N, C-alpha and C. Protein backbone atom coordinates (compact mmCIF):
# COMPACT_ATOMS: atom_id res chain seq x y z
N MET A 1 36.64 -41.78 10.52
CA MET A 1 36.83 -40.67 9.76
C MET A 1 36.27 -40.79 8.33
N ARG A 2 36.26 -42.10 7.60
CA ARG A 2 35.58 -42.18 6.38
C ARG A 2 34.25 -41.97 6.47
N GLN A 3 33.68 -42.38 7.36
CA GLN A 3 32.23 -42.19 7.57
C GLN A 3 31.80 -40.72 7.55
N MET A 4 32.52 -39.89 8.46
CA MET A 4 32.39 -38.43 8.51
C MET A 4 32.65 -38.00 7.11
N ALA A 5 33.54 -38.27 6.41
CA ALA A 5 33.65 -37.70 5.03
C ALA A 5 32.47 -37.92 4.19
N ARG A 6 32.05 -39.19 4.24
CA ARG A 6 30.86 -39.69 3.32
C ARG A 6 29.51 -38.88 3.77
N VAL A 7 29.32 -38.79 4.94
CA VAL A 7 28.37 -37.91 5.54
C VAL A 7 28.32 -36.49 5.13
N GLY A 8 29.62 -36.00 5.19
CA GLY A 8 29.94 -34.50 4.70
C GLY A 8 29.53 -34.38 3.24
N ILE A 9 30.04 -35.33 2.32
CA ILE A 9 29.69 -35.31 0.81
C ILE A 9 28.40 -35.25 0.44
N THR A 10 27.75 -36.38 1.23
CA THR A 10 26.27 -36.52 1.12
C THR A 10 25.59 -35.27 1.36
N LEU A 11 25.76 -34.59 2.53
CA LEU A 11 25.22 -33.44 2.81
C LEU A 11 25.42 -32.39 1.91
N ALA A 12 26.63 -32.02 1.39
CA ALA A 12 27.01 -31.19 0.36
C ALA A 12 26.23 -31.33 -0.87
N LEU A 13 26.04 -32.67 -1.30
CA LEU A 13 25.27 -32.99 -2.44
C LEU A 13 23.98 -32.66 -2.36
N ILE A 14 23.32 -33.03 -1.24
CA ILE A 14 22.13 -32.60 -1.03
C ILE A 14 21.61 -31.09 -1.00
N ALA A 15 22.62 -30.38 -0.30
CA ALA A 15 22.45 -29.00 -0.21
C ALA A 15 22.62 -28.38 -1.76
N SER A 16 23.61 -28.85 -2.51
CA SER A 16 23.78 -28.38 -3.78
C SER A 16 22.50 -28.55 -4.95
N ILE A 17 21.79 -29.81 -4.63
CA ILE A 17 20.60 -30.19 -5.28
C ILE A 17 19.49 -29.33 -4.85
N ALA A 18 19.37 -29.06 -3.53
CA ALA A 18 18.17 -28.09 -3.02
C ALA A 18 18.42 -26.61 -3.58
N ALA A 19 19.75 -26.32 -3.61
CA ALA A 19 19.92 -24.81 -4.03
C ALA A 19 19.82 -24.70 -5.47
N THR A 20 20.06 -25.74 -6.26
CA THR A 20 19.73 -25.75 -7.71
C THR A 20 18.28 -25.86 -7.96
N SER A 21 17.72 -26.40 -7.28
CA SER A 21 16.06 -26.64 -7.35
C SER A 21 15.43 -25.34 -7.00
N LEU A 22 15.99 -24.66 -6.02
CA LEU A 22 15.34 -23.42 -5.68
C LEU A 22 15.62 -22.32 -6.61
N ALA A 23 16.87 -22.31 -7.28
CA ALA A 23 17.20 -21.45 -8.22
C ALA A 23 16.34 -21.48 -9.41
N VAL A 24 16.01 -22.85 -9.78
CA VAL A 24 15.05 -22.90 -10.91
C VAL A 24 13.68 -22.63 -10.66
N VAL A 25 13.28 -22.86 -9.54
CA VAL A 25 11.73 -22.53 -9.18
C VAL A 25 11.73 -20.97 -9.20
N ASN A 26 12.76 -20.26 -8.51
CA ASN A 26 12.80 -18.91 -8.58
C ASN A 26 12.76 -18.18 -10.11
N ALA A 27 13.59 -18.84 -10.99
CA ALA A 27 13.56 -18.35 -12.24
C ALA A 27 12.29 -18.56 -13.07
N VAL A 28 11.53 -19.56 -12.82
CA VAL A 28 10.24 -19.68 -13.33
C VAL A 28 9.10 -18.80 -12.76
N THR A 29 9.27 -18.62 -11.46
CA THR A 29 7.96 -18.05 -10.74
C THR A 29 8.34 -16.46 -10.68
N ALA A 30 9.55 -16.03 -10.44
CA ALA A 30 9.91 -14.58 -10.35
C ALA A 30 9.17 -13.61 -11.43
N PRO A 31 9.13 -14.08 -12.70
CA PRO A 31 8.47 -13.07 -13.58
C PRO A 31 6.99 -13.14 -13.44
N LYS A 32 6.38 -14.10 -13.07
CA LYS A 32 4.89 -14.14 -12.80
C LYS A 32 4.42 -13.40 -11.63
N ILE A 33 5.32 -13.50 -10.61
CA ILE A 33 4.99 -12.66 -9.49
C ILE A 33 5.14 -11.38 -9.60
N ALA A 34 6.24 -11.09 -10.47
CA ALA A 34 6.30 -9.40 -10.80
C ALA A 34 5.15 -8.87 -11.77
N ALA A 35 4.74 -9.68 -12.64
CA ALA A 35 3.68 -9.55 -13.44
C ALA A 35 2.33 -9.12 -12.57
N TYR A 36 2.30 -10.13 -11.57
CA TYR A 36 0.89 -10.09 -10.69
C TYR A 36 0.99 -8.85 -9.85
N GLU A 37 2.23 -8.58 -9.28
CA GLU A 37 2.23 -7.34 -8.55
C GLU A 37 2.06 -6.23 -9.25
N GLN A 38 2.46 -6.13 -10.40
CA GLN A 38 2.16 -4.98 -11.31
C GLN A 38 0.68 -4.92 -11.67
N GLN A 39 -0.02 -5.82 -11.79
CA GLN A 39 -1.28 -5.80 -12.22
C GLN A 39 -2.24 -5.56 -10.85
N VAL A 40 -1.66 -5.84 -9.91
CA VAL A 40 -2.30 -5.30 -8.60
C VAL A 40 -2.21 -3.97 -8.41
N ILE A 41 -1.11 -3.32 -8.74
CA ILE A 41 -0.99 -1.94 -8.72
C ILE A 41 -1.86 -1.07 -9.70
N GLU A 42 -1.91 -1.63 -10.92
CA GLU A 42 -2.52 -1.12 -11.98
C GLU A 42 -4.10 -1.11 -11.67
N ASN A 43 -4.61 -2.17 -11.06
CA ASN A 43 -6.00 -2.25 -10.72
C ASN A 43 -6.36 -1.21 -9.60
N ALA A 44 -5.33 -1.16 -8.59
CA ALA A 44 -5.56 -0.31 -7.64
C ALA A 44 -5.74 1.29 -7.98
N LEU A 45 -4.80 1.46 -8.97
CA LEU A 45 -4.69 2.83 -9.58
C LEU A 45 -6.07 3.36 -10.24
N LYS A 46 -6.58 2.28 -10.98
CA LYS A 46 -7.93 2.39 -11.55
C LYS A 46 -8.96 2.65 -10.42
N GLN A 47 -8.92 1.81 -9.46
CA GLN A 47 -10.01 1.72 -8.48
C GLN A 47 -10.00 3.19 -7.67
N VAL A 48 -8.95 3.59 -7.43
CA VAL A 48 -8.84 5.03 -6.54
C VAL A 48 -8.81 6.32 -7.39
N SER A 49 -8.77 6.18 -8.75
CA SER A 49 -8.62 7.35 -9.37
C SER A 49 -9.94 8.28 -9.43
N GLY A 50 -10.91 7.84 -8.97
CA GLY A 50 -12.04 8.58 -8.93
C GLY A 50 -12.59 9.08 -10.27
N GLY A 51 -12.42 8.44 -11.32
CA GLY A 51 -12.82 8.77 -12.69
C GLY A 51 -11.97 9.67 -13.41
N PHE A 52 -10.89 10.15 -12.89
CA PHE A 52 -9.89 11.05 -13.38
C PHE A 52 -8.94 10.21 -14.16
N GLU A 53 -8.28 11.03 -15.10
CA GLU A 53 -7.20 10.19 -15.97
C GLU A 53 -5.92 10.25 -15.31
N LEU A 54 -5.25 9.33 -15.43
CA LEU A 54 -3.84 9.18 -14.76
C LEU A 54 -2.77 10.11 -15.74
N GLY A 55 -2.05 10.88 -15.16
CA GLY A 55 -1.23 11.63 -15.80
C GLY A 55 0.20 11.03 -15.44
N GLU A 56 1.24 11.86 -15.61
CA GLU A 56 2.67 11.52 -15.37
C GLU A 56 3.05 10.93 -13.90
N SER A 57 3.80 9.99 -13.73
CA SER A 57 4.25 9.71 -12.42
C SER A 57 5.55 9.96 -12.07
N THR A 58 6.07 10.19 -10.83
CA THR A 58 7.23 10.62 -10.43
C THR A 58 7.72 9.69 -9.00
N THR A 59 8.94 9.46 -8.95
CA THR A 59 9.43 8.71 -7.64
C THR A 59 10.27 9.66 -6.90
N ASP A 60 10.46 10.97 -7.49
CA ASP A 60 11.22 11.97 -6.86
C ASP A 60 10.27 13.00 -6.04
N THR A 61 9.86 12.12 -4.82
CA THR A 61 9.05 12.76 -3.89
C THR A 61 9.59 13.80 -2.75
N GLY A 62 10.73 13.71 -2.32
CA GLY A 62 11.17 14.40 -1.31
C GLY A 62 10.77 13.96 0.05
N ASP A 63 10.03 12.88 0.07
CA ASP A 63 9.57 12.24 1.36
C ASP A 63 9.66 10.91 1.24
N GLU A 64 10.36 10.32 2.33
CA GLU A 64 10.56 8.76 2.30
C GLU A 64 9.48 7.88 2.62
N ALA A 65 8.32 8.46 3.20
CA ALA A 65 7.14 7.69 3.35
C ALA A 65 6.36 7.59 2.11
N ILE A 66 6.60 8.43 1.01
CA ILE A 66 5.84 8.51 -0.16
C ILE A 66 6.76 7.96 -1.29
N GLY A 67 6.41 6.88 -1.81
CA GLY A 67 7.17 6.30 -2.84
C GLY A 67 6.91 6.83 -4.17
N ILE A 68 5.63 6.79 -4.73
CA ILE A 68 5.43 7.27 -5.90
C ILE A 68 4.17 8.31 -5.99
N ILE A 69 4.24 9.17 -6.86
CA ILE A 69 3.22 10.17 -7.03
C ILE A 69 2.61 10.13 -8.32
N HIS A 70 1.39 9.77 -8.58
CA HIS A 70 0.72 9.83 -9.76
C HIS A 70 -0.21 11.20 -9.93
N ARG A 71 0.18 11.91 -11.00
CA ARG A 71 -0.78 12.95 -11.16
C ARG A 71 -2.37 12.59 -11.85
N LEU A 72 -3.30 13.18 -11.15
CA LEU A 72 -4.50 12.97 -11.86
C LEU A 72 -5.10 14.20 -12.63
N THR A 73 -5.65 14.00 -13.94
CA THR A 73 -6.01 15.23 -14.54
C THR A 73 -7.57 15.09 -15.02
N GLY A 74 -8.06 16.17 -15.42
CA GLY A 74 -9.50 16.18 -15.83
C GLY A 74 -9.33 16.09 -17.44
N ASP A 75 -10.60 16.58 -17.96
CA ASP A 75 -10.69 16.71 -19.35
C ASP A 75 -9.78 17.66 -19.97
N ASP A 76 -9.59 18.82 -19.35
CA ASP A 76 -8.78 20.01 -19.81
C ASP A 76 -7.25 19.71 -19.54
N GLN A 77 -6.97 18.41 -19.04
CA GLN A 77 -5.56 18.15 -18.73
C GLN A 77 -4.85 18.83 -17.43
N LYS A 78 -5.67 19.73 -16.80
CA LYS A 78 -5.14 20.35 -15.57
C LYS A 78 -5.16 19.27 -14.54
N THR A 79 -4.31 19.58 -13.50
CA THR A 79 -4.11 18.52 -12.39
C THR A 79 -5.28 18.91 -11.56
N THR A 80 -6.02 17.73 -11.33
CA THR A 80 -7.22 17.82 -10.51
C THR A 80 -6.96 17.03 -9.05
N GLY A 81 -5.79 16.30 -9.10
CA GLY A 81 -5.39 15.53 -7.75
C GLY A 81 -4.23 14.69 -7.99
N TYR A 82 -4.01 13.88 -7.11
CA TYR A 82 -2.92 12.96 -7.10
C TYR A 82 -3.19 11.68 -6.36
N ILE A 83 -2.53 10.69 -6.97
CA ILE A 83 -2.56 9.28 -6.18
C ILE A 83 -1.13 9.11 -5.46
N LEU A 84 -0.93 8.93 -4.31
CA LEU A 84 0.34 8.69 -3.83
C LEU A 84 0.26 7.09 -3.24
N GLN A 85 1.48 6.58 -3.42
CA GLN A 85 1.81 5.20 -3.00
C GLN A 85 2.79 5.44 -1.93
N MET A 86 2.04 5.05 -0.65
CA MET A 86 2.79 5.33 0.70
C MET A 86 3.08 4.23 1.44
N THR A 87 4.14 4.34 2.22
CA THR A 87 4.35 3.20 3.30
C THR A 87 3.94 3.67 4.73
N GLY A 88 3.35 2.71 5.36
CA GLY A 88 2.68 2.85 6.71
C GLY A 88 3.17 1.82 7.64
N THR A 89 3.02 1.84 8.93
CA THR A 89 3.32 0.75 9.80
C THR A 89 2.08 0.41 10.68
N GLY A 90 1.92 -0.98 10.45
CA GLY A 90 0.65 -1.53 11.07
C GLY A 90 1.26 -2.71 12.08
N TYR A 91 0.18 -3.51 12.59
CA TYR A 91 0.68 -4.58 13.49
C TYR A 91 1.66 -5.53 12.89
N GLY A 92 1.44 -5.81 11.78
CA GLY A 92 2.44 -6.76 10.89
C GLY A 92 3.84 -6.29 10.35
N GLY A 93 3.94 -4.92 10.61
CA GLY A 93 5.09 -4.18 9.98
C GLY A 93 4.82 -3.26 9.01
N SER A 94 5.74 -3.14 7.91
CA SER A 94 5.40 -2.15 6.92
C SER A 94 4.28 -2.69 6.06
N MET A 95 3.52 -1.56 5.46
CA MET A 95 2.36 -1.81 4.61
C MET A 95 2.27 -0.84 3.47
N THR A 96 1.85 -1.14 2.40
CA THR A 96 1.76 -0.11 1.32
C THR A 96 0.39 0.19 1.21
N VAL A 97 0.04 1.72 1.18
CA VAL A 97 -1.19 2.14 1.15
C VAL A 97 -1.09 3.24 0.00
N MET A 98 -2.11 2.92 -0.81
CA MET A 98 -2.46 3.89 -2.24
C MET A 98 -3.64 4.65 -1.95
N ALA A 99 -3.38 5.96 -2.08
CA ALA A 99 -4.72 6.84 -1.66
C ALA A 99 -4.76 7.82 -2.84
N SER A 100 -5.78 8.45 -3.22
CA SER A 100 -6.07 9.47 -4.15
C SER A 100 -6.67 10.59 -3.37
N TYR A 101 -6.21 11.91 -3.90
CA TYR A 101 -6.43 13.14 -3.26
C TYR A 101 -6.85 14.14 -4.20
N LYS A 102 -7.87 15.17 -4.01
CA LYS A 102 -7.98 16.41 -4.74
C LYS A 102 -6.80 17.34 -4.30
N THR A 103 -6.67 18.31 -5.02
CA THR A 103 -5.66 19.10 -4.83
C THR A 103 -5.57 19.85 -3.62
N ASP A 104 -6.82 19.94 -2.88
CA ASP A 104 -7.03 20.53 -1.52
C ASP A 104 -6.66 19.69 -0.53
N GLY A 105 -6.31 18.43 -0.80
CA GLY A 105 -6.14 17.44 0.19
C GLY A 105 -7.09 16.57 0.62
N SER A 106 -8.26 16.65 0.05
CA SER A 106 -9.38 15.75 0.55
C SER A 106 -9.22 14.42 -0.28
N VAL A 107 -9.59 13.35 0.54
CA VAL A 107 -9.38 11.99 0.17
C VAL A 107 -10.37 11.60 -0.86
N ILE A 108 -9.96 11.05 -2.00
CA ILE A 108 -11.09 10.53 -2.99
C ILE A 108 -11.29 9.07 -2.60
N ASP A 109 -10.27 8.30 -2.54
CA ASP A 109 -10.26 6.74 -2.27
C ASP A 109 -8.99 6.36 -1.77
N ALA A 110 -8.98 5.18 -1.26
CA ALA A 110 -7.74 4.39 -0.81
C ALA A 110 -7.80 3.03 -0.80
N ARG A 111 -6.71 2.34 -0.88
CA ARG A 111 -6.58 0.99 -0.91
C ARG A 111 -5.30 0.39 -0.06
N LEU A 112 -5.41 -0.70 0.87
CA LEU A 112 -4.25 -1.25 1.44
C LEU A 112 -3.82 -2.20 0.37
N LEU A 113 -2.57 -2.18 0.11
CA LEU A 113 -1.87 -3.04 -0.78
C LEU A 113 -1.07 -4.13 -0.09
N ALA A 114 0.21 -4.14 -0.20
CA ALA A 114 0.95 -5.18 0.37
C ALA A 114 0.97 -5.06 2.02
N ASN A 115 0.76 -6.03 2.74
CA ASN A 115 0.89 -5.97 4.16
C ASN A 115 0.89 -7.23 4.82
N ALA A 116 1.35 -7.27 5.98
CA ALA A 116 1.37 -8.62 6.66
C ALA A 116 0.55 -8.52 7.96
N GLU A 117 -0.80 -7.92 7.77
CA GLU A 117 -1.61 -7.68 8.99
C GLU A 117 -2.16 -9.14 9.28
N THR A 118 -2.78 -9.04 10.63
CA THR A 118 -3.29 -10.34 11.13
C THR A 118 -4.79 -10.77 10.30
N PRO A 119 -4.77 -12.01 9.82
CA PRO A 119 -5.97 -12.51 9.01
C PRO A 119 -7.23 -12.37 10.02
N GLY A 120 -8.28 -11.85 9.37
CA GLY A 120 -9.47 -11.80 10.24
C GLY A 120 -9.59 -10.39 11.02
N LEU A 121 -8.57 -9.82 11.34
CA LEU A 121 -8.58 -8.51 11.85
C LEU A 121 -8.00 -7.47 11.16
N GLY A 122 -6.80 -7.25 11.16
CA GLY A 122 -6.04 -6.28 10.26
C GLY A 122 -6.34 -6.41 8.80
N LYS A 123 -6.50 -7.62 8.42
CA LYS A 123 -6.80 -7.88 6.88
C LYS A 123 -7.98 -7.27 6.42
N LYS A 124 -9.04 -6.86 7.34
CA LYS A 124 -10.16 -6.22 7.08
C LYS A 124 -10.03 -5.07 6.23
N ALA A 125 -8.66 -4.28 6.40
CA ALA A 125 -8.48 -3.01 5.92
C ALA A 125 -8.42 -3.21 4.46
N GLU A 126 -8.11 -4.52 3.92
CA GLU A 126 -7.99 -4.72 2.47
C GLU A 126 -9.27 -4.71 1.70
N VAL A 127 -10.44 -4.61 2.53
CA VAL A 127 -11.74 -4.57 1.89
C VAL A 127 -11.86 -3.13 1.51
N PRO A 128 -12.30 -2.87 0.13
CA PRO A 128 -12.62 -1.32 -0.22
C PRO A 128 -13.60 -0.57 0.64
N ALA A 129 -14.59 -1.23 1.32
CA ALA A 129 -15.48 -0.48 2.13
C ALA A 129 -14.89 0.01 3.42
N TYR A 130 -13.79 -0.56 3.90
CA TYR A 130 -12.99 -0.08 5.00
C TYR A 130 -12.77 1.32 4.80
N MET A 131 -12.14 1.65 3.69
CA MET A 131 -11.59 2.96 3.39
C MET A 131 -12.64 4.10 3.28
N ASP A 132 -13.91 3.82 3.30
CA ASP A 132 -14.89 4.75 3.16
C ASP A 132 -14.96 5.78 4.13
N LYS A 133 -14.52 5.41 5.57
CA LYS A 133 -14.43 6.23 6.67
C LYS A 133 -13.57 7.35 6.33
N PHE A 134 -12.61 7.29 5.37
CA PHE A 134 -11.47 8.41 5.11
C PHE A 134 -11.90 9.25 4.06
N LYS A 135 -12.93 8.72 3.06
CA LYS A 135 -13.39 9.62 2.05
C LYS A 135 -13.83 11.04 2.48
N ASP A 136 -13.55 12.01 1.62
CA ASP A 136 -14.03 13.35 1.79
C ASP A 136 -13.49 13.90 3.03
N THR A 137 -12.48 13.38 3.58
CA THR A 137 -11.69 13.94 4.80
C THR A 137 -10.36 14.66 4.30
N GLY A 138 -9.86 15.42 5.08
CA GLY A 138 -8.50 15.97 4.74
C GLY A 138 -8.53 17.46 4.33
N ALA A 139 -9.55 17.91 3.88
CA ALA A 139 -9.63 19.41 3.39
C ALA A 139 -10.36 20.08 4.54
N ASP A 140 -11.69 19.90 4.66
CA ASP A 140 -12.45 20.77 5.56
C ASP A 140 -12.38 20.10 6.93
N SER A 141 -12.25 18.70 6.94
CA SER A 141 -12.36 17.92 8.14
C SER A 141 -11.07 17.22 8.29
N PRO A 142 -10.53 16.98 9.48
CA PRO A 142 -9.23 16.22 9.54
C PRO A 142 -9.51 14.83 9.01
N VAL A 143 -8.38 14.16 8.70
CA VAL A 143 -8.39 12.62 8.46
C VAL A 143 -8.56 11.95 9.78
N PRO A 144 -9.48 11.12 10.14
CA PRO A 144 -9.53 10.51 11.44
C PRO A 144 -8.36 9.43 11.44
N VAL A 145 -7.56 9.87 12.68
CA VAL A 145 -6.49 9.18 13.07
C VAL A 145 -6.55 8.41 14.21
N LYS A 146 -7.70 8.75 15.03
CA LYS A 146 -7.83 8.07 16.16
C LYS A 146 -9.19 7.50 16.35
N LYS A 147 -9.63 6.38 16.97
CA LYS A 147 -10.86 5.87 16.89
C LYS A 147 -11.93 6.77 17.43
N ASN A 148 -11.78 7.58 18.24
CA ASN A 148 -12.67 8.54 18.96
C ASN A 148 -13.04 9.60 17.80
N MET A 149 -12.30 9.52 16.68
CA MET A 149 -12.63 10.67 15.55
C MET A 149 -13.79 10.13 14.53
N LEU A 150 -14.18 8.83 14.74
CA LEU A 150 -15.03 7.92 13.98
C LEU A 150 -16.32 8.03 14.36
N GLN A 151 -17.34 7.77 13.66
CA GLN A 151 -18.77 7.47 13.84
C GLN A 151 -18.78 6.07 14.70
N LYS A 152 -19.75 6.03 15.39
CA LYS A 152 -19.81 4.60 16.17
C LYS A 152 -19.56 3.41 15.41
N ASP A 153 -20.34 3.31 14.35
CA ASP A 153 -20.30 2.04 13.44
C ASP A 153 -18.75 1.94 12.73
N ASP A 154 -18.10 2.90 12.32
CA ASP A 154 -16.82 2.90 11.91
C ASP A 154 -15.88 2.62 13.14
N ALA A 155 -16.07 3.01 14.12
CA ALA A 155 -15.42 2.81 15.38
C ALA A 155 -15.21 1.24 15.72
N ASP A 156 -16.49 0.74 15.70
CA ASP A 156 -16.74 -0.62 16.13
C ASP A 156 -16.20 -1.52 14.90
N SER A 157 -16.21 -0.98 13.77
CA SER A 157 -15.69 -1.92 12.54
C SER A 157 -14.03 -2.08 12.79
N ILE A 158 -13.46 -1.27 13.53
CA ILE A 158 -11.86 -1.48 13.60
C ILE A 158 -11.62 -2.23 14.82
N GLY A 159 -12.48 -2.55 15.75
CA GLY A 159 -12.35 -3.38 16.88
C GLY A 159 -11.22 -4.53 16.55
N GLY A 160 -10.23 -4.57 17.58
CA GLY A 160 -9.33 -5.68 17.37
C GLY A 160 -8.08 -5.44 16.47
N ALA A 161 -8.25 -4.39 15.70
CA ALA A 161 -7.27 -3.85 14.73
C ALA A 161 -6.82 -2.43 14.86
N THR A 162 -6.65 -2.01 15.89
CA THR A 162 -6.59 -0.47 16.04
C THR A 162 -5.20 -0.13 15.63
N VAL A 163 -4.20 -0.88 15.80
CA VAL A 163 -2.99 -0.71 15.25
C VAL A 163 -2.83 -0.59 13.65
N THR A 164 -3.44 -1.49 12.95
CA THR A 164 -3.75 -1.27 11.48
C THR A 164 -4.37 -0.06 11.11
N PHE A 165 -5.53 0.11 11.70
CA PHE A 165 -6.23 1.37 11.50
C PHE A 165 -5.40 2.68 11.71
N SER A 166 -4.70 2.76 12.84
CA SER A 166 -3.58 3.88 13.13
C SER A 166 -2.74 3.96 11.92
N GLY A 167 -2.03 2.92 11.46
CA GLY A 167 -1.01 2.89 10.51
C GLY A 167 -1.50 3.61 9.13
N VAL A 168 -2.79 2.93 8.82
CA VAL A 168 -3.46 3.37 7.56
C VAL A 168 -3.86 4.78 7.73
N ALA A 169 -4.28 5.12 8.78
CA ALA A 169 -4.95 6.42 8.93
C ALA A 169 -3.69 7.49 8.97
N ARG A 170 -2.73 7.15 9.68
CA ARG A 170 -1.51 8.24 9.75
C ARG A 170 -0.81 8.35 8.35
N ALA A 171 -0.92 7.32 7.59
CA ALA A 171 -0.29 7.27 6.15
C ALA A 171 -1.33 8.24 5.29
N ILE A 172 -2.52 7.93 5.49
CA ILE A 172 -3.49 8.77 4.61
C ILE A 172 -3.60 10.25 5.04
N ALA A 173 -3.46 10.68 6.31
CA ALA A 173 -3.32 11.87 6.73
C ALA A 173 -2.03 12.52 6.39
N HIS A 174 -0.94 11.80 6.51
CA HIS A 174 0.46 12.39 5.88
C HIS A 174 0.22 12.64 4.45
N GLY A 175 -0.38 11.75 3.66
CA GLY A 175 -0.54 11.96 2.23
C GLY A 175 -1.54 13.27 1.99
N SER A 176 -2.40 13.42 2.82
CA SER A 176 -3.26 14.64 2.64
C SER A 176 -2.38 15.99 2.73
N ASP A 177 -1.70 15.82 3.79
CA ASP A 177 -0.86 17.17 4.15
C ASP A 177 0.06 17.44 3.01
N TYR A 178 0.70 16.27 2.54
CA TYR A 178 1.60 16.47 1.42
C TYR A 178 1.11 17.13 0.23
N VAL A 179 -0.02 16.52 -0.17
CA VAL A 179 -0.59 16.92 -1.21
C VAL A 179 -1.20 18.43 -1.16
N LYS A 180 -1.59 19.02 0.01
CA LYS A 180 -1.83 20.27 0.10
C LYS A 180 -0.59 21.14 -0.20
N THR A 181 0.68 20.73 -0.09
CA THR A 181 1.85 21.49 -0.35
C THR A 181 2.18 21.52 -2.03
N LEU A 182 1.60 20.52 -2.48
CA LEU A 182 1.48 20.36 -4.08
C LEU A 182 0.59 21.28 -4.69
N GLY A 183 -0.62 21.26 -4.27
CA GLY A 183 -1.50 22.15 -4.88
C GLY A 183 -1.74 21.61 -6.26
N GLY A 184 -1.91 22.36 -7.11
CA GLY A 184 -2.34 22.10 -8.67
C GLY A 184 -1.05 22.08 -9.46
N LYS A 185 0.04 21.93 -8.93
CA LYS A 185 1.44 22.02 -9.71
C LYS A 185 1.38 20.92 -10.71
């Protein structure tokens, strides 16, 4: 009986030390992680802005797949497009896609941000050149959401990561349709 009590007290002591250590590590690293994540978003906004100025942002999107809308403006401060931060579903689960659009719904540029896709396959979607297959689609030509809608080289580049491609493509196509409803508001 005494030995069981001693083992129980020892385990409780180890657990409390481990919990305290984890709390301290979290307190030290949480602000750095948050700052890093914010920097990633700011860099992505600059990269996909297409040279336009960022206007006001809103989280009041009326669409659960679209988290944030950033307005793009030209020199005359008129709305020239939008950047949408959207959620898609890939092989690894939920992923965040940031894409910019002209007011007619055509894709300016896009980036894959937070994701848990397979290294070497789905992670290829993080490379900026991967998103070139979507540029200038959405207005006069549909956003490619199936492999057979792509040129041969682009179709070959998604081999082994079709689920990732489909998730990114559906998010970008949804964003294009959403932007068309906004127009130049």
